[in-house]
N, C-alpha and C. Protein backbone atom coordinates (compact mmCIF):
# COMPACT_ATOMS: atom_id res chain seq x y z
N MET A 1 7.58 3.43 11.05
CA MET A 1 6.48 2.65 10.55
C MET A 1 5.95 1.79 11.69
N SER A 2 4.65 1.54 11.69
CA SER A 2 4.05 0.75 12.76
C SER A 2 4.38 -0.73 12.59
N GLU A 3 4.09 -1.46 13.62
CA GLU A 3 4.36 -2.90 13.61
C GLU A 3 3.54 -3.59 12.52
N ASN A 4 4.12 -4.58 11.91
CA ASN A 4 3.44 -5.36 10.88
C ASN A 4 2.20 -6.02 11.49
N PRO A 5 1.01 -5.78 10.92
CA PRO A 5 -0.21 -6.36 11.50
C PRO A 5 -0.25 -7.88 11.41
N LEU A 6 0.60 -8.46 10.58
CA LEU A 6 0.64 -9.92 10.44
C LEU A 6 1.61 -10.58 11.40
N LYS A 7 2.27 -9.79 12.22
CA LYS A 7 3.28 -10.32 13.15
C LYS A 7 2.72 -11.43 14.04
N VAL A 8 1.47 -11.34 14.41
CA VAL A 8 0.85 -12.36 15.26
C VAL A 8 0.93 -13.75 14.62
N LEU A 9 0.98 -13.80 13.29
CA LEU A 9 1.06 -15.10 12.61
C LEU A 9 2.41 -15.79 12.81
N GLU A 10 3.44 -15.02 13.21
CA GLU A 10 4.72 -15.66 13.53
C GLU A 10 4.52 -16.72 14.60
N ARG A 11 3.65 -16.42 15.53
CA ARG A 11 3.38 -17.34 16.64
C ARG A 11 2.28 -18.33 16.29
N LEU A 12 1.23 -17.86 15.60
CA LEU A 12 0.07 -18.71 15.35
C LEU A 12 0.25 -19.69 14.19
N ASP A 13 0.85 -19.22 13.11
CA ASP A 13 0.99 -20.07 11.93
C ASP A 13 2.15 -19.56 11.07
N PRO A 14 3.38 -19.81 11.51
CA PRO A 14 4.55 -19.29 10.79
C PRO A 14 4.66 -19.79 9.35
N GLU A 15 4.19 -20.99 9.09
CA GLU A 15 4.26 -21.51 7.72
C GLU A 15 3.37 -20.68 6.79
N PHE A 16 2.16 -20.39 7.26
CA PHE A 16 1.24 -19.56 6.48
C PHE A 16 1.82 -18.16 6.27
N LEU A 17 2.39 -17.59 7.32
CA LEU A 17 3.01 -16.27 7.21
C LEU A 17 4.09 -16.28 6.15
N GLY A 18 4.87 -17.33 6.09
CA GLY A 18 5.91 -17.44 5.07
C GLY A 18 5.32 -17.41 3.66
N HIS A 19 4.20 -18.09 3.47
CA HIS A 19 3.54 -18.08 2.16
C HIS A 19 3.04 -16.67 1.81
N VAL A 20 2.45 -16.01 2.78
CA VAL A 20 1.95 -14.64 2.55
C VAL A 20 3.11 -13.72 2.19
N GLU A 21 4.20 -13.81 2.93
CA GLU A 21 5.36 -12.95 2.66
C GLU A 21 5.98 -13.24 1.30
N ASN A 22 6.05 -14.51 0.92
CA ASN A 22 6.60 -14.87 -0.39
C ASN A 22 5.72 -14.33 -1.51
N THR A 23 4.41 -14.40 -1.33
CA THR A 23 3.49 -13.86 -2.33
C THR A 23 3.67 -12.36 -2.47
N SER A 24 3.84 -11.68 -1.36
CA SER A 24 4.06 -10.23 -1.39
C SER A 24 5.35 -9.89 -2.13
N LYS A 25 6.41 -10.60 -1.81
CA LYS A 25 7.69 -10.35 -2.49
C LYS A 25 7.57 -10.60 -3.99
N PHE A 26 6.87 -11.67 -4.36
CA PHE A 26 6.69 -12.01 -5.77
C PHE A 26 5.87 -10.93 -6.48
N ALA A 27 4.77 -10.50 -5.87
CA ALA A 27 3.88 -9.54 -6.50
C ALA A 27 4.51 -8.15 -6.63
N LEU A 28 5.33 -7.77 -5.66
CA LEU A 28 5.84 -6.40 -5.62
C LEU A 28 7.26 -6.24 -6.16
N ALA A 29 7.88 -7.31 -6.59
CA ALA A 29 9.25 -7.22 -7.09
C ALA A 29 9.30 -6.41 -8.38
N ASP A 30 10.44 -5.74 -8.59
CA ASP A 30 10.66 -5.04 -9.85
C ASP A 30 10.51 -6.04 -10.99
N GLY A 31 9.86 -5.60 -12.02
CA GLY A 31 9.68 -6.40 -13.23
C GLY A 31 9.46 -5.43 -14.37
N VAL A 32 8.55 -5.75 -15.25
CA VAL A 32 8.19 -4.81 -16.32
C VAL A 32 7.66 -3.53 -15.68
N LEU A 33 6.85 -3.70 -14.64
CA LEU A 33 6.43 -2.54 -13.84
C LEU A 33 7.42 -2.37 -12.68
N PRO A 34 7.91 -1.16 -12.48
CA PRO A 34 8.80 -0.94 -11.34
C PRO A 34 8.06 -1.16 -10.02
N LYS A 35 8.82 -1.53 -9.01
CA LYS A 35 8.25 -1.77 -7.68
C LYS A 35 7.42 -0.58 -7.21
N ARG A 36 7.88 0.63 -7.46
CA ARG A 36 7.15 1.80 -6.96
C ARG A 36 5.75 1.87 -7.58
N PHE A 37 5.61 1.50 -8.86
CA PHE A 37 4.29 1.49 -9.49
C PHE A 37 3.39 0.44 -8.85
N LYS A 38 3.96 -0.73 -8.59
CA LYS A 38 3.18 -1.80 -7.98
C LYS A 38 2.71 -1.40 -6.59
N LEU A 39 3.56 -0.71 -5.85
CA LEU A 39 3.17 -0.23 -4.52
C LEU A 39 2.08 0.83 -4.62
N LEU A 40 2.14 1.67 -5.63
CA LEU A 40 1.09 2.67 -5.84
C LEU A 40 -0.23 2.00 -6.19
N ILE A 41 -0.18 0.96 -6.99
CA ILE A 41 -1.39 0.20 -7.32
C ILE A 41 -1.98 -0.39 -6.04
N ALA A 42 -1.14 -1.01 -5.24
CA ALA A 42 -1.61 -1.59 -3.98
C ALA A 42 -2.19 -0.51 -3.06
N MET A 43 -1.54 0.66 -3.03
CA MET A 43 -2.01 1.75 -2.19
C MET A 43 -3.42 2.19 -2.59
N VAL A 44 -3.66 2.35 -3.89
CA VAL A 44 -4.99 2.81 -4.30
C VAL A 44 -6.04 1.71 -4.11
N LEU A 45 -5.63 0.46 -4.20
CA LEU A 45 -6.57 -0.62 -3.88
C LEU A 45 -6.97 -0.56 -2.40
N ASP A 46 -6.00 -0.31 -1.53
CA ASP A 46 -6.33 -0.16 -0.11
C ASP A 46 -7.21 1.06 0.12
N ALA A 47 -6.94 2.15 -0.59
CA ALA A 47 -7.80 3.33 -0.47
C ALA A 47 -9.23 2.99 -0.88
N SER A 48 -9.36 2.17 -1.90
CA SER A 48 -10.68 1.81 -2.41
C SER A 48 -11.48 0.95 -1.45
N VAL A 49 -10.80 0.20 -0.58
CA VAL A 49 -11.51 -0.67 0.36
C VAL A 49 -11.53 -0.12 1.78
N GLY A 50 -11.00 1.09 1.97
CA GLY A 50 -11.10 1.74 3.27
C GLY A 50 -10.00 1.41 4.26
N ALA A 51 -8.85 0.97 3.80
CA ALA A 51 -7.76 0.58 4.68
C ALA A 51 -6.76 1.73 4.86
N VAL A 52 -7.05 2.61 5.83
CA VAL A 52 -6.21 3.79 6.05
C VAL A 52 -4.76 3.40 6.34
N GLN A 53 -4.55 2.47 7.25
CA GLN A 53 -3.18 2.08 7.60
C GLN A 53 -2.47 1.46 6.40
N GLY A 54 -3.19 0.72 5.59
CA GLY A 54 -2.60 0.16 4.39
C GLY A 54 -2.16 1.25 3.42
N VAL A 55 -2.98 2.27 3.26
CA VAL A 55 -2.60 3.40 2.40
C VAL A 55 -1.32 4.03 2.90
N LYS A 56 -1.26 4.28 4.19
CA LYS A 56 -0.08 4.92 4.78
C LYS A 56 1.17 4.06 4.58
N THR A 57 1.07 2.80 4.92
CA THR A 57 2.22 1.89 4.83
C THR A 57 2.69 1.74 3.39
N LEU A 58 1.75 1.58 2.47
CA LEU A 58 2.11 1.39 1.07
C LEU A 58 2.63 2.68 0.44
N ALA A 59 2.09 3.83 0.83
CA ALA A 59 2.62 5.10 0.33
C ALA A 59 4.06 5.29 0.80
N GLN A 60 4.31 4.98 2.07
CA GLN A 60 5.69 5.06 2.59
C GLN A 60 6.61 4.14 1.82
N ALA A 61 6.16 2.92 1.58
CA ALA A 61 6.99 1.96 0.84
C ALA A 61 7.22 2.44 -0.60
N ALA A 62 6.20 3.01 -1.22
CA ALA A 62 6.35 3.52 -2.58
C ALA A 62 7.38 4.65 -2.62
N ILE A 63 7.33 5.52 -1.64
CA ILE A 63 8.30 6.62 -1.56
C ILE A 63 9.71 6.07 -1.36
N GLN A 64 9.84 5.08 -0.50
CA GLN A 64 11.15 4.45 -0.28
C GLN A 64 11.64 3.77 -1.55
N ALA A 65 10.71 3.34 -2.40
CA ALA A 65 11.07 2.69 -3.66
C ALA A 65 11.29 3.70 -4.79
N GLY A 66 11.15 5.00 -4.46
CA GLY A 66 11.46 6.04 -5.43
C GLY A 66 10.29 6.85 -5.94
N ALA A 67 9.08 6.57 -5.46
CA ALA A 67 7.92 7.36 -5.88
C ALA A 67 8.01 8.76 -5.29
N THR A 68 7.51 9.71 -6.02
CA THR A 68 7.46 11.09 -5.52
C THR A 68 6.13 11.33 -4.83
N LYS A 69 6.07 12.39 -4.05
CA LYS A 69 4.82 12.79 -3.41
C LYS A 69 3.76 13.03 -4.48
N GLU A 70 4.14 13.61 -5.59
CA GLU A 70 3.20 13.88 -6.68
C GLU A 70 2.66 12.59 -7.30
N GLU A 71 3.51 11.55 -7.42
CA GLU A 71 3.04 10.27 -7.94
C GLU A 71 2.06 9.62 -6.96
N VAL A 72 2.35 9.73 -5.68
CA VAL A 72 1.47 9.15 -4.66
C VAL A 72 0.10 9.82 -4.72
N THR A 73 0.10 11.14 -4.73
CA THR A 73 -1.19 11.84 -4.72
C THR A 73 -1.92 11.70 -6.05
N GLU A 74 -1.19 11.66 -7.16
CA GLU A 74 -1.85 11.49 -8.46
C GLU A 74 -2.46 10.10 -8.60
N ALA A 75 -1.83 9.10 -8.02
CA ALA A 75 -2.38 7.74 -8.06
C ALA A 75 -3.76 7.70 -7.40
N LEU A 76 -3.94 8.52 -6.39
CA LEU A 76 -5.24 8.56 -5.70
C LEU A 76 -6.35 9.00 -6.66
N ARG A 77 -6.02 9.77 -7.67
CA ARG A 77 -7.03 10.18 -8.65
C ARG A 77 -7.66 8.97 -9.34
N VAL A 78 -6.85 7.94 -9.55
CA VAL A 78 -7.36 6.72 -10.20
C VAL A 78 -8.34 6.01 -9.27
N ALA A 79 -7.98 5.92 -7.99
CA ALA A 79 -8.89 5.29 -7.03
C ALA A 79 -10.20 6.07 -6.96
N HIS A 80 -10.11 7.38 -6.98
CA HIS A 80 -11.32 8.20 -6.96
C HIS A 80 -12.17 7.94 -8.19
N TYR A 81 -11.54 7.87 -9.34
CA TYR A 81 -12.27 7.63 -10.59
C TYR A 81 -13.00 6.29 -10.55
N ILE A 82 -12.35 5.25 -10.06
CA ILE A 82 -12.92 3.92 -10.06
C ILE A 82 -13.83 3.67 -8.86
N SER A 83 -13.41 4.12 -7.67
CA SER A 83 -14.11 3.75 -6.44
C SER A 83 -14.88 4.88 -5.78
N GLY A 84 -14.68 6.09 -6.23
CA GLY A 84 -15.43 7.21 -5.68
C GLY A 84 -14.72 7.93 -4.56
N VAL A 85 -15.45 8.86 -3.99
CA VAL A 85 -14.87 9.78 -3.01
C VAL A 85 -14.47 9.07 -1.71
N GLY A 86 -15.04 7.90 -1.44
CA GLY A 86 -14.66 7.17 -0.23
C GLY A 86 -13.17 6.87 -0.21
N ALA A 87 -12.59 6.59 -1.37
CA ALA A 87 -11.15 6.33 -1.45
C ALA A 87 -10.36 7.57 -1.05
N VAL A 88 -10.85 8.73 -1.40
CA VAL A 88 -10.19 9.98 -1.05
C VAL A 88 -10.25 10.21 0.45
N TYR A 89 -11.41 9.95 1.04
CA TYR A 89 -11.56 10.12 2.49
C TYR A 89 -10.72 9.10 3.26
N THR A 90 -10.51 7.93 2.68
CA THR A 90 -9.64 6.94 3.31
C THR A 90 -8.19 7.39 3.25
N ALA A 91 -7.75 7.89 2.11
CA ALA A 91 -6.35 8.27 1.93
C ALA A 91 -5.98 9.54 2.69
N ALA A 92 -6.91 10.46 2.85
CA ALA A 92 -6.59 11.75 3.44
C ALA A 92 -5.93 11.66 4.82
N PRO A 93 -6.43 10.85 5.77
CA PRO A 93 -5.75 10.78 7.06
C PRO A 93 -4.34 10.19 6.96
N ALA A 94 -4.16 9.23 6.07
CA ALA A 94 -2.83 8.64 5.88
C ALA A 94 -1.89 9.68 5.30
N PHE A 95 -2.35 10.43 4.30
CA PHE A 95 -1.52 11.47 3.69
C PHE A 95 -1.20 12.57 4.69
N LYS A 96 -2.16 12.88 5.55
CA LYS A 96 -1.94 13.92 6.56
C LYS A 96 -0.75 13.55 7.45
N GLU A 97 -0.69 12.28 7.85
CA GLU A 97 0.43 11.82 8.68
C GLU A 97 1.74 11.79 7.90
N LEU A 98 1.67 11.46 6.62
CA LEU A 98 2.90 11.35 5.80
C LEU A 98 3.44 12.70 5.36
N PHE A 99 2.53 13.58 4.94
CA PHE A 99 2.96 14.82 4.31
C PHE A 99 2.59 16.03 5.15
C-alpha cells in the first residue's frame, strides 16, 4: 500500500492528524454494520468524487476486513446508479491494479 497521504500532517499539525485518525477509527469500527461494509461505502463515495487512490486504498482495506472481490465490484454498481459512469471510470484503474 502507498504512503498515507496525510503523513505530512505528522509534522505540520499532529494534533489535527490525531483528530482525523480518531474520526476514521470511530466511523469505520465494527458496529451494526460490519467494518467491511463501511469500507465499501467509503470506497464508492471516493469513486463518486473521482478519488482513484482512495478507491484502491479502501478496496484493499475492505478486502483485508473480509470483503470479497465480488462485494467490492458489486458495490461499484451503487456508485454508478447514484453518481453515474464517472464513478466507474474512477474505480477501473484502481481495480486494474488490485485485481
